[in-house]
Amino acid sequence: MARIGYARVSTLDQDLDIQLARLKAEGCAIIRSEKVSGASRDGRLELATVIEFLRPGDELVVTRLDRLGRDTRDVLNLIHECEQREAFVTVLDPHVTTRGEMGHVILTVLGMVAQMERRFIRERQREGIERAKAAGVYKGGKQRFDRARVAALHAEGFGPAAIARTVGCSRMQVYRILGTV
């Protein structure tokens, strides 16, 4: 019976240290982490590895429910997959586990609240962008990578993987930039 921790942040510039320390303090023997959006399960390879690794009696531990996902259906599907493997899910904040029936109800409600919160955030963000555009001050999101450098490296014959390593981004980001350059 193992306690397996899973930590996630949405962007490359966010820090996992607090989650990792908390999971370690909770006695997780194995901790997997990734920097990828929780909006869907696409591209969340570490989470897939954790789910695949779970054995009967194991426990998947996350610091908060939104680390598992932002969509109620995704969260419930993840919990179901864990249960199919006879494993449990424990959320540390607030402390809820699937070891009992009440835990399922609470996790369902928390999942619905997380999804609703995500919708509210997107709505407020959209409203803020519209106000900024109307005021003529909206310039779009900050550029994280030097697009000209990506194009120059590509022109020099570097492949997407080499460019990604050099610039410090994913290959997919290189493909996106090259598609717009």
N, C-alpha and C. Protein backbone atom coordinates (compact mmCIF):
# COMPACT_ATOMS: atom_id res chain seq x y z
N MET A 1 0.84 -1.18 0.00
CA MET A 1 0.00 0.00 0.00
C MET A 1 0.89 1.25 0.00
N ALA A 2 0.84 2.01 -1.08
CA ALA A 2 1.70 3.19 -1.22
C ALA A 2 0.86 4.46 -1.28
N ARG A 3 1.45 5.53 -0.77
CA ARG A 3 0.85 6.87 -0.93
C ARG A 3 1.61 7.53 -2.05
N ILE A 4 0.91 7.85 -3.13
CA ILE A 4 1.53 8.43 -4.31
C ILE A 4 1.01 9.85 -4.47
N GLY A 5 1.92 10.80 -4.49
CA GLY A 5 1.55 12.20 -4.60
C GLY A 5 1.56 12.66 -6.04
N TYR A 6 0.67 13.58 -6.35
CA TYR A 6 0.62 14.19 -7.67
C TYR A 6 0.52 15.70 -7.49
N ALA A 7 1.46 16.43 -8.11
CA ALA A 7 1.47 17.89 -8.03
C ALA A 7 1.40 18.44 -9.45
N ARG A 8 0.66 19.57 -9.60
CA ARG A 8 0.53 20.16 -10.92
C ARG A 8 0.38 21.67 -10.80
N VAL A 9 1.04 22.38 -11.71
CA VAL A 9 0.79 23.79 -11.90
C VAL A 9 0.50 23.98 -13.38
N SER A 10 -0.13 25.10 -13.72
CA SER A 10 -0.62 25.29 -15.08
C SER A 10 0.42 25.80 -16.07
N THR A 11 1.40 26.56 -15.61
CA THR A 11 2.35 27.17 -16.54
C THR A 11 3.79 26.90 -16.11
N LEU A 12 4.70 27.03 -17.05
CA LEU A 12 6.11 26.75 -16.81
C LEU A 12 6.73 27.68 -15.77
N ASP A 13 6.23 28.91 -15.67
CA ASP A 13 6.83 29.85 -14.73
C ASP A 13 6.26 29.75 -13.31
N GLN A 14 5.31 28.85 -13.09
CA GLN A 14 4.78 28.65 -11.75
C GLN A 14 5.64 27.64 -10.99
N ASP A 15 5.57 27.66 -9.67
CA ASP A 15 6.44 26.89 -8.80
C ASP A 15 5.69 25.71 -8.16
N LEU A 16 6.31 24.54 -8.18
CA LEU A 16 5.72 23.34 -7.60
C LEU A 16 6.19 23.08 -6.16
N ASP A 17 7.13 23.86 -5.65
CA ASP A 17 7.81 23.55 -4.39
C ASP A 17 6.87 23.37 -3.21
N ILE A 18 5.88 24.24 -3.07
CA ILE A 18 4.96 24.14 -1.92
C ILE A 18 4.18 22.83 -1.97
N GLN A 19 3.66 22.48 -3.15
CA GLN A 19 2.92 21.23 -3.28
C GLN A 19 3.82 20.03 -2.99
N LEU A 20 5.03 20.04 -3.55
CA LEU A 20 5.96 18.92 -3.37
C LEU A 20 6.32 18.74 -1.90
N ALA A 21 6.58 19.86 -1.20
CA ALA A 21 6.92 19.79 0.22
C ALA A 21 5.75 19.23 1.03
N ARG A 22 4.55 19.67 0.71
CA ARG A 22 3.36 19.20 1.44
C ARG A 22 3.13 17.71 1.23
N LEU A 23 3.29 17.26 -0.03
CA LEU A 23 3.10 15.83 -0.32
C LEU A 23 4.16 14.98 0.37
N LYS A 24 5.38 15.48 0.39
CA LYS A 24 6.47 14.76 1.07
C LYS A 24 6.18 14.68 2.57
N ALA A 25 5.71 15.79 3.15
CA ALA A 25 5.39 15.82 4.58
C ALA A 25 4.24 14.88 4.91
N GLU A 26 3.37 14.62 3.95
CA GLU A 26 2.23 13.71 4.16
C GLU A 26 2.64 12.24 4.01
N GLY A 27 3.91 12.01 3.70
CA GLY A 27 4.41 10.63 3.63
C GLY A 27 4.27 9.96 2.28
N CYS A 28 4.15 10.73 1.23
CA CYS A 28 4.06 10.14 -0.11
C CYS A 28 5.43 9.57 -0.49
N ALA A 29 5.45 8.27 -0.77
CA ALA A 29 6.70 7.60 -1.13
C ALA A 29 7.14 7.99 -2.53
N ILE A 30 6.17 8.18 -3.40
CA ILE A 30 6.43 8.55 -4.79
C ILE A 30 5.65 9.84 -5.06
N ILE A 31 6.30 10.80 -5.71
CA ILE A 31 5.61 12.04 -6.08
C ILE A 31 5.91 12.32 -7.54
N ARG A 32 4.86 12.48 -8.32
CA ARG A 32 5.00 12.85 -9.73
C ARG A 32 4.45 14.26 -9.89
N SER A 33 5.08 15.05 -10.77
CA SER A 33 4.62 16.42 -10.95
C SER A 33 4.74 16.82 -12.41
N GLU A 34 3.97 17.84 -12.77
CA GLU A 34 4.04 18.36 -14.13
C GLU A 34 3.54 19.79 -14.17
N LYS A 35 3.95 20.48 -15.24
CA LYS A 35 3.54 21.85 -15.47
C LYS A 35 2.72 21.87 -16.75
N VAL A 36 1.41 21.72 -16.57
CA VAL A 36 0.48 21.64 -17.69
C VAL A 36 -0.91 22.04 -17.20
N SER A 37 -1.71 22.57 -18.08
CA SER A 37 -3.05 23.01 -17.72
C SER A 37 -3.90 21.86 -17.19
N GLY A 38 -4.76 22.18 -16.24
CA GLY A 38 -5.68 21.20 -15.69
C GLY A 38 -7.05 21.25 -16.33
N ALA A 39 -7.18 22.04 -17.40
CA ALA A 39 -8.48 22.19 -18.05
C ALA A 39 -8.96 20.88 -18.66
N SER A 40 -8.03 20.04 -19.11
CA SER A 40 -8.39 18.72 -19.62
C SER A 40 -7.27 17.75 -19.30
N ARG A 41 -7.44 16.50 -19.62
CA ARG A 41 -6.41 15.51 -19.33
C ARG A 41 -5.40 15.37 -20.46
N ASP A 42 -5.62 16.07 -21.57
CA ASP A 42 -4.69 16.01 -22.69
C ASP A 42 -3.31 16.50 -22.27
N GLY A 43 -2.29 15.73 -22.58
CA GLY A 43 -0.93 16.13 -22.30
C GLY A 43 -0.48 15.96 -20.86
N ARG A 44 -1.31 15.38 -20.04
CA ARG A 44 -0.95 15.19 -18.62
C ARG A 44 -0.39 13.78 -18.44
N LEU A 45 0.83 13.60 -18.95
CA LEU A 45 1.46 12.29 -18.97
C LEU A 45 1.80 11.77 -17.58
N GLU A 46 2.21 12.66 -16.68
CA GLU A 46 2.55 12.23 -15.32
C GLU A 46 1.31 11.70 -14.59
N LEU A 47 0.18 12.36 -14.79
CA LEU A 47 -1.06 11.89 -14.17
C LEU A 47 -1.43 10.53 -14.73
N ALA A 48 -1.31 10.35 -16.03
CA ALA A 48 -1.60 9.05 -16.65
C ALA A 48 -0.68 7.97 -16.08
N THR A 49 0.58 8.32 -15.87
CA THR A 49 1.54 7.37 -15.29
C THR A 49 1.12 6.97 -13.88
N VAL A 50 0.74 7.97 -13.09
CA VAL A 50 0.30 7.69 -11.71
C VAL A 50 -0.90 6.76 -11.71
N ILE A 51 -1.90 7.06 -12.51
CA ILE A 51 -3.12 6.24 -12.56
C ILE A 51 -2.77 4.81 -12.98
N GLU A 52 -1.92 4.69 -13.98
CA GLU A 52 -1.52 3.36 -14.47
C GLU A 52 -0.76 2.58 -13.41
N PHE A 53 -0.01 3.29 -12.57
CA PHE A 53 0.85 2.67 -11.57
C PHE A 53 0.07 2.21 -10.33
N LEU A 54 -1.11 2.77 -10.09
CA LEU A 54 -1.88 2.46 -8.87
C LEU A 54 -2.20 0.98 -8.75
N ARG A 55 -2.02 0.45 -7.55
CA ARG A 55 -2.33 -0.93 -7.23
C ARG A 55 -3.39 -0.96 -6.13
N PRO A 56 -4.06 -2.09 -5.92
CA PRO A 56 -5.07 -2.17 -4.86
C PRO A 56 -4.51 -1.72 -3.51
N GLY A 57 -5.26 -0.83 -2.86
CA GLY A 57 -4.87 -0.31 -1.56
C GLY A 57 -4.03 0.95 -1.61
N ASP A 58 -3.52 1.32 -2.79
CA ASP A 58 -2.72 2.54 -2.92
C ASP A 58 -3.60 3.77 -2.75
N GLU A 59 -2.95 4.89 -2.50
CA GLU A 59 -3.67 6.14 -2.29
C GLU A 59 -3.03 7.24 -3.14
N LEU A 60 -3.82 7.87 -3.98
CA LEU A 60 -3.39 9.03 -4.76
C LEU A 60 -3.67 10.27 -3.92
N VAL A 61 -2.62 11.06 -3.66
CA VAL A 61 -2.75 12.23 -2.79
C VAL A 61 -2.46 13.50 -3.59
N VAL A 62 -3.36 14.48 -3.49
CA VAL A 62 -3.15 15.79 -4.10
C VAL A 62 -3.39 16.86 -3.03
N THR A 63 -2.75 18.01 -3.20
CA THR A 63 -2.91 19.06 -2.19
C THR A 63 -4.29 19.69 -2.24
N ARG A 64 -4.80 19.94 -3.46
CA ARG A 64 -6.14 20.50 -3.64
C ARG A 64 -6.82 19.78 -4.81
N LEU A 65 -8.12 19.79 -4.82
CA LEU A 65 -8.86 19.09 -5.85
C LEU A 65 -8.58 19.65 -7.24
N ASP A 66 -8.37 20.97 -7.34
CA ASP A 66 -8.14 21.54 -8.67
C ASP A 66 -6.79 21.12 -9.26
N ARG A 67 -5.94 20.47 -8.47
CA ARG A 67 -4.70 19.92 -9.02
C ARG A 67 -5.00 18.68 -9.87
N LEU A 68 -6.09 18.00 -9.56
CA LEU A 68 -6.52 16.85 -10.38
C LEU A 68 -7.18 17.31 -11.66
N GLY A 69 -8.00 18.36 -11.57
CA GLY A 69 -8.68 18.84 -12.76
C GLY A 69 -9.64 19.95 -12.42
N ARG A 70 -10.03 20.69 -13.45
CA ARG A 70 -10.95 21.83 -13.28
C ARG A 70 -12.35 21.49 -13.75
N ASP A 71 -12.52 20.32 -14.31
CA ASP A 71 -13.81 19.92 -14.85
C ASP A 71 -14.37 18.79 -13.98
N THR A 72 -15.60 18.95 -13.53
CA THR A 72 -16.22 17.97 -12.63
C THR A 72 -16.18 16.58 -13.24
N ARG A 73 -16.53 16.46 -14.50
CA ARG A 73 -16.57 15.14 -15.14
C ARG A 73 -15.17 14.49 -15.15
N ASP A 74 -14.14 15.28 -15.46
CA ASP A 74 -12.77 14.76 -15.46
C ASP A 74 -12.38 14.26 -14.07
N VAL A 75 -12.67 15.07 -13.06
CA VAL A 75 -12.32 14.69 -11.69
C VAL A 75 -13.05 13.40 -11.29
N LEU A 76 -14.34 13.33 -11.58
CA LEU A 76 -15.09 12.13 -11.24
C LEU A 76 -14.61 10.91 -12.02
N ASN A 77 -14.23 11.10 -13.28
CA ASN A 77 -13.67 10.00 -14.07
C ASN A 77 -12.34 9.53 -13.49
N LEU A 78 -11.51 10.47 -13.05
CA LEU A 78 -10.24 10.10 -12.42
C LEU A 78 -10.47 9.29 -11.15
N ILE A 79 -11.40 9.75 -10.34
CA ILE A 79 -11.71 9.04 -9.10
C ILE A 79 -12.23 7.65 -9.43
N HIS A 80 -13.09 7.56 -10.44
CA HIS A 80 -13.62 6.26 -10.86
C HIS A 80 -12.49 5.32 -11.32
N GLU A 81 -11.54 5.86 -12.10
CA GLU A 81 -10.42 5.04 -12.56
C GLU A 81 -9.59 4.53 -11.38
N CYS A 82 -9.40 5.39 -10.39
CA CYS A 82 -8.67 4.96 -9.20
C CYS A 82 -9.42 3.84 -8.48
N GLU A 83 -10.72 4.00 -8.37
CA GLU A 83 -11.53 2.98 -7.70
C GLU A 83 -11.53 1.66 -8.47
N GLN A 84 -11.51 1.74 -9.81
CA GLN A 84 -11.43 0.53 -10.63
C GLN A 84 -10.14 -0.23 -10.32
N ARG A 85 -9.12 0.49 -9.92
CA ARG A 85 -7.84 -0.13 -9.56
C ARG A 85 -7.79 -0.43 -8.06
N GLU A 86 -8.93 -0.26 -7.37
CA GLU A 86 -9.07 -0.49 -5.94
C GLU A 86 -8.13 0.41 -5.13
N ALA A 87 -7.96 1.64 -5.61
CA ALA A 87 -7.13 2.63 -4.93
C ALA A 87 -8.02 3.76 -4.44
N PHE A 88 -7.47 4.60 -3.58
CA PHE A 88 -8.22 5.69 -3.00
C PHE A 88 -7.64 7.03 -3.46
N VAL A 89 -8.44 8.08 -3.36
CA VAL A 89 -7.99 9.44 -3.65
C VAL A 89 -8.16 10.26 -2.38
N THR A 90 -7.10 11.01 -2.04
CA THR A 90 -7.17 11.89 -0.87
C THR A 90 -6.77 13.29 -1.29
N VAL A 91 -7.60 14.26 -0.92
CA VAL A 91 -7.32 15.67 -1.14
C VAL A 91 -6.97 16.25 0.23
N LEU A 92 -5.86 16.98 0.30
CA LEU A 92 -5.39 17.48 1.59
C LEU A 92 -6.09 18.75 2.05
N ASP A 93 -6.49 19.61 1.10
CA ASP A 93 -7.09 20.89 1.49
C ASP A 93 -8.37 21.13 0.72
N PRO A 94 -9.54 20.95 1.27
CA PRO A 94 -9.82 20.43 2.59
C PRO A 94 -9.63 18.92 2.62
N HIS A 95 -9.35 18.37 3.78
CA HIS A 95 -9.03 16.94 3.86
C HIS A 95 -10.27 16.09 3.58
N VAL A 96 -10.24 15.44 2.42
CA VAL A 96 -11.35 14.57 1.98
C VAL A 96 -10.73 13.33 1.34
N THR A 97 -11.34 12.18 1.59
CA THR A 97 -10.85 10.95 0.99
C THR A 97 -12.01 10.13 0.46
N THR A 98 -11.72 9.27 -0.51
CA THR A 98 -12.76 8.41 -1.08
C THR A 98 -12.89 7.11 -0.31
N ARG A 99 -12.27 7.01 0.84
CA ARG A 99 -12.38 5.78 1.65
C ARG A 99 -13.79 5.58 2.19
N GLY A 100 -14.59 6.63 2.25
CA GLY A 100 -15.96 6.49 2.73
C GLY A 100 -16.93 7.11 1.74
N GLU A 101 -18.21 6.79 1.88
CA GLU A 101 -19.23 7.31 0.96
C GLU A 101 -19.35 8.82 1.00
N MET A 102 -19.24 9.40 2.18
CA MET A 102 -19.39 10.85 2.30
C MET A 102 -18.30 11.57 1.51
N GLY A 103 -17.12 10.97 1.44
CA GLY A 103 -16.03 11.56 0.67
C GLY A 103 -16.39 11.75 -0.79
N HIS A 104 -17.11 10.78 -1.35
CA HIS A 104 -17.54 10.87 -2.75
C HIS A 104 -18.47 12.07 -2.96
N VAL A 105 -19.40 12.24 -2.05
CA VAL A 105 -20.35 13.35 -2.16
C VAL A 105 -19.61 14.68 -2.07
N ILE A 106 -18.71 14.79 -1.10
CA ILE A 106 -17.97 16.04 -0.91
C ILE A 106 -17.09 16.33 -2.12
N LEU A 107 -16.40 15.32 -2.65
CA LEU A 107 -15.55 15.53 -3.82
C LEU A 107 -16.36 15.92 -5.04
N THR A 108 -17.56 15.38 -5.19
CA THR A 108 -18.43 15.76 -6.30
C THR A 108 -18.81 17.23 -6.19
N VAL A 109 -19.21 17.65 -5.00
CA VAL A 109 -19.58 19.04 -4.78
C VAL A 109 -18.38 19.96 -5.01
N LEU A 110 -17.21 19.59 -4.46
CA LEU A 110 -16.01 20.41 -4.64
C LEU A 110 -15.63 20.50 -6.12
N GLY A 111 -15.79 19.41 -6.85
CA GLY A 111 -15.51 19.42 -8.28
C GLY A 111 -16.43 20.37 -9.02
N MET A 112 -17.69 20.38 -8.64
CA MET A 112 -18.64 21.29 -9.28
C MET A 112 -18.28 22.74 -8.96
N VAL A 113 -17.87 23.01 -7.72
CA VAL A 113 -17.48 24.36 -7.32
C VAL A 113 -16.24 24.80 -8.10
N ALA A 114 -15.26 23.90 -8.25
CA ALA A 114 -14.03 24.24 -8.99
C ALA A 114 -14.35 24.58 -10.45
N GLN A 115 -15.26 23.81 -11.04
CA GLN A 115 -15.64 24.06 -12.43
C GLN A 115 -16.37 25.41 -12.55
N MET A 116 -17.25 25.68 -11.60
CA MET A 116 -17.97 26.95 -11.60
C MET A 116 -17.00 28.11 -11.41
N GLU A 117 -16.03 27.95 -10.52
CA GLU A 117 -15.02 28.99 -10.28
C GLU A 117 -14.21 29.25 -11.56
N ARG A 118 -13.87 28.21 -12.27
CA ARG A 118 -13.11 28.36 -13.52
C ARG A 118 -13.93 29.17 -14.54
N ARG A 119 -15.23 28.89 -14.62
CA ARG A 119 -16.09 29.65 -15.53
C ARG A 119 -16.15 31.12 -15.15
N PHE A 120 -16.26 31.40 -13.84
CA PHE A 120 -16.30 32.78 -13.37
C PHE A 120 -15.00 33.50 -13.69
N ILE A 121 -13.87 32.83 -13.50
CA ILE A 121 -12.56 33.44 -13.80
C ILE A 121 -12.49 33.80 -15.27
N ARG A 122 -12.87 32.86 -16.14
CA ARG A 122 -12.83 33.13 -17.58
C ARG A 122 -13.75 34.29 -17.95
N GLU A 123 -14.93 34.33 -17.34
CA GLU A 123 -15.89 35.41 -17.63
C GLU A 123 -15.33 36.76 -17.19
N ARG A 124 -14.74 36.82 -15.99
CA ARG A 124 -14.15 38.08 -15.52
C ARG A 124 -12.97 38.49 -16.39
N GLN A 125 -12.19 37.52 -16.82
CA GLN A 125 -11.06 37.82 -17.69
C GLN A 125 -11.53 38.38 -19.02
N ARG A 126 -12.55 37.76 -19.60
CA ARG A 126 -13.11 38.24 -20.87
C ARG A 126 -13.64 39.66 -20.72
N GLU A 127 -14.35 39.92 -19.62
CA GLU A 127 -14.88 41.26 -19.38
C GLU A 127 -13.76 42.28 -19.24
N GLY A 128 -12.70 41.93 -18.53
CA GLY A 128 -11.57 42.82 -18.35
C GLY A 128 -10.87 43.12 -19.67
N ILE A 129 -10.72 42.11 -20.50
CA ILE A 129 -10.10 42.30 -21.81
C ILE A 129 -10.96 43.22 -22.67
N GLU A 130 -12.26 43.02 -22.65
CA GLU A 130 -13.16 43.87 -23.44
C GLU A 130 -13.08 45.33 -22.98
N ARG A 131 -13.04 45.55 -21.65
CA ARG A 131 -12.91 46.92 -21.13
C ARG A 131 -11.57 47.53 -21.55
N ALA A 132 -10.51 46.75 -21.48
CA ALA A 132 -9.18 47.25 -21.86
C ALA A 132 -9.12 47.55 -23.36
N LYS A 133 -9.76 46.71 -24.18
CA LYS A 133 -9.80 46.96 -25.63
C LYS A 133 -10.57 48.25 -25.91
N ALA A 134 -11.70 48.43 -25.23
CA ALA A 134 -12.51 49.63 -25.43
C ALA A 134 -11.74 50.88 -25.02
N ALA A 135 -10.89 50.76 -24.01
CA ALA A 135 -10.09 51.90 -23.56
C ALA A 135 -8.81 52.06 -24.38
N GLY A 136 -8.56 51.11 -25.29
CA GLY A 136 -7.38 51.18 -26.15
C GLY A 136 -6.08 50.83 -25.46
N VAL A 137 -6.16 50.11 -24.34
CA VAL A 137 -4.93 49.78 -23.61
C VAL A 137 -4.59 48.29 -23.67
N TYR A 138 -5.40 47.50 -24.34
CA TYR A 138 -5.14 46.05 -24.40
C TYR A 138 -4.06 45.75 -25.44
N LYS A 139 -3.04 45.05 -25.01
CA LYS A 139 -1.95 44.71 -25.90
C LYS A 139 -1.80 43.20 -26.06
N GLY A 140 -2.71 42.43 -25.51
CA GLY A 140 -2.62 40.97 -25.57
C GLY A 140 -1.76 40.44 -24.44
N GLY A 141 -1.65 39.12 -24.37
CA GLY A 141 -0.84 38.50 -23.32
C GLY A 141 0.64 38.75 -23.55
N LYS A 142 1.42 38.63 -22.47
CA LYS A 142 2.85 38.88 -22.62
C LYS A 142 3.49 37.74 -23.40
N GLN A 143 4.42 38.09 -24.27
CA GLN A 143 5.13 37.09 -25.05
C GLN A 143 6.15 36.42 -24.14
N ARG A 144 6.11 35.10 -24.11
CA ARG A 144 7.02 34.36 -23.25
C ARG A 144 8.31 33.99 -23.96
N PHE A 145 8.28 34.00 -25.28
CA PHE A 145 9.44 33.57 -26.05
C PHE A 145 9.75 34.58 -27.14
N ASP A 146 11.01 34.66 -27.50
CA ASP A 146 11.46 35.54 -28.57
C ASP A 146 11.14 34.86 -29.90
N ARG A 147 10.04 35.27 -30.50
CA ARG A 147 9.58 34.65 -31.75
C ARG A 147 10.60 34.83 -32.88
N ALA A 148 11.28 35.97 -32.88
CA ALA A 148 12.28 36.22 -33.93
C ALA A 148 13.44 35.24 -33.78
N ARG A 149 13.82 34.93 -32.54
CA ARG A 149 14.91 33.97 -32.32
C ARG A 149 14.50 32.58 -32.78
N VAL A 150 13.25 32.18 -32.50
CA VAL A 150 12.74 30.88 -32.97
C VAL A 150 12.83 30.82 -34.49
N ALA A 151 12.38 31.87 -35.16
CA ALA A 151 12.41 31.91 -36.63
C ALA A 151 13.85 31.86 -37.14
N ALA A 152 14.75 32.59 -36.47
CA ALA A 152 16.16 32.61 -36.89
C ALA A 152 16.80 31.23 -36.74
N LEU A 153 16.54 30.58 -35.62
CA LEU A 153 17.08 29.23 -35.42
C LEU A 153 16.54 28.26 -36.46
N HIS A 154 15.26 28.41 -36.77
CA HIS A 154 14.65 27.55 -37.80
C HIS A 154 15.31 27.81 -39.16
N ALA A 155 15.56 29.08 -39.47
CA ALA A 155 16.20 29.44 -40.74
C ALA A 155 17.63 28.90 -40.81
N GLU A 156 18.28 28.76 -39.63
CA GLU A 156 19.64 28.22 -39.59
C GLU A 156 19.66 26.70 -39.72
N GLY A 157 18.48 26.08 -39.75
CA GLY A 157 18.40 24.64 -39.94
C GLY A 157 18.16 23.83 -38.69
N PHE A 158 17.95 24.51 -37.56
CA PHE A 158 17.64 23.77 -36.34
C PHE A 158 16.24 23.18 -36.43
N GLY A 159 16.06 21.97 -35.89
CA GLY A 159 14.75 21.34 -35.86
C GLY A 159 13.95 21.83 -34.67
N PRO A 160 12.66 21.54 -34.64
CA PRO A 160 11.80 22.00 -33.53
C PRO A 160 12.28 21.56 -32.15
N ALA A 161 12.76 20.33 -32.02
CA ALA A 161 13.21 19.86 -30.71
C ALA A 161 14.43 20.65 -30.24
N ALA A 162 15.37 20.89 -31.14
CA ALA A 162 16.58 21.65 -30.78
C ALA A 162 16.22 23.10 -30.45
N ILE A 163 15.31 23.68 -31.21
CA ILE A 163 14.87 25.05 -30.93
C ILE A 163 14.21 25.11 -29.56
N ALA A 164 13.34 24.14 -29.27
CA ALA A 164 12.64 24.12 -27.98
C ALA A 164 13.64 24.05 -26.82
N ARG A 165 14.65 23.21 -26.94
CA ARG A 165 15.67 23.11 -25.88
C ARG A 165 16.43 24.42 -25.73
N THR A 166 16.78 25.03 -26.84
CA THR A 166 17.55 26.27 -26.82
C THR A 166 16.76 27.43 -26.21
N VAL A 167 15.51 27.56 -26.62
CA VAL A 167 14.69 28.69 -26.19
C VAL A 167 14.05 28.44 -24.82
N GLY A 168 13.87 27.14 -24.48
CA GLY A 168 13.26 26.80 -23.19
C GLY A 168 11.75 26.71 -23.25
N CYS A 169 11.25 26.08 -24.29
CA CYS A 169 9.80 25.91 -24.41
C CYS A 169 9.53 24.50 -24.94
N SER A 170 8.28 24.19 -25.18
CA SER A 170 7.92 22.88 -25.72
C SER A 170 8.01 22.91 -27.24
N ARG A 171 8.12 21.73 -27.83
CA ARG A 171 8.12 21.63 -29.30
C ARG A 171 6.82 22.17 -29.87
N MET A 172 5.70 21.89 -29.19
CA MET A 172 4.40 22.37 -29.66
C MET A 172 4.40 23.89 -29.76
N GLN A 173 5.02 24.55 -28.78
CA GLN A 173 5.10 26.01 -28.82
C GLN A 173 5.91 26.46 -30.03
N VAL A 174 6.99 25.74 -30.33
CA VAL A 174 7.81 26.06 -31.53
C VAL A 174 6.96 25.92 -32.77
N TYR A 175 6.21 24.84 -32.88
CA TYR A 175 5.34 24.63 -34.04
C TYR A 175 4.33 25.78 -34.17
N ARG A 176 3.75 26.19 -33.04
CA ARG A 176 2.79 27.29 -33.06
C ARG A 176 3.44 28.58 -33.56
N ILE A 177 4.63 28.87 -33.04
CA ILE A 177 5.32 30.09 -33.44
C ILE A 177 5.68 30.04 -34.91
N LEU A 178 6.19 28.90 -35.37
CA LEU A 178 6.60 28.80 -36.78
C LEU A 178 5.38 28.87 -37.71
N GLY A 179 4.24 28.47 -37.20
CA GLY A 179 3.02 28.56 -38.02
C GLY A 179 2.54 29.98 -38.18
N THR A 180 2.96 30.89 -37.28
CA THR A 180 2.50 32.28 -37.34
C THR A 180 3.59 33.23 -37.84
N VAL A 181 4.82 32.73 -37.99
CA VAL A 181 5.93 33.61 -38.40
C VAL A 181 5.93 33.77 -39.90
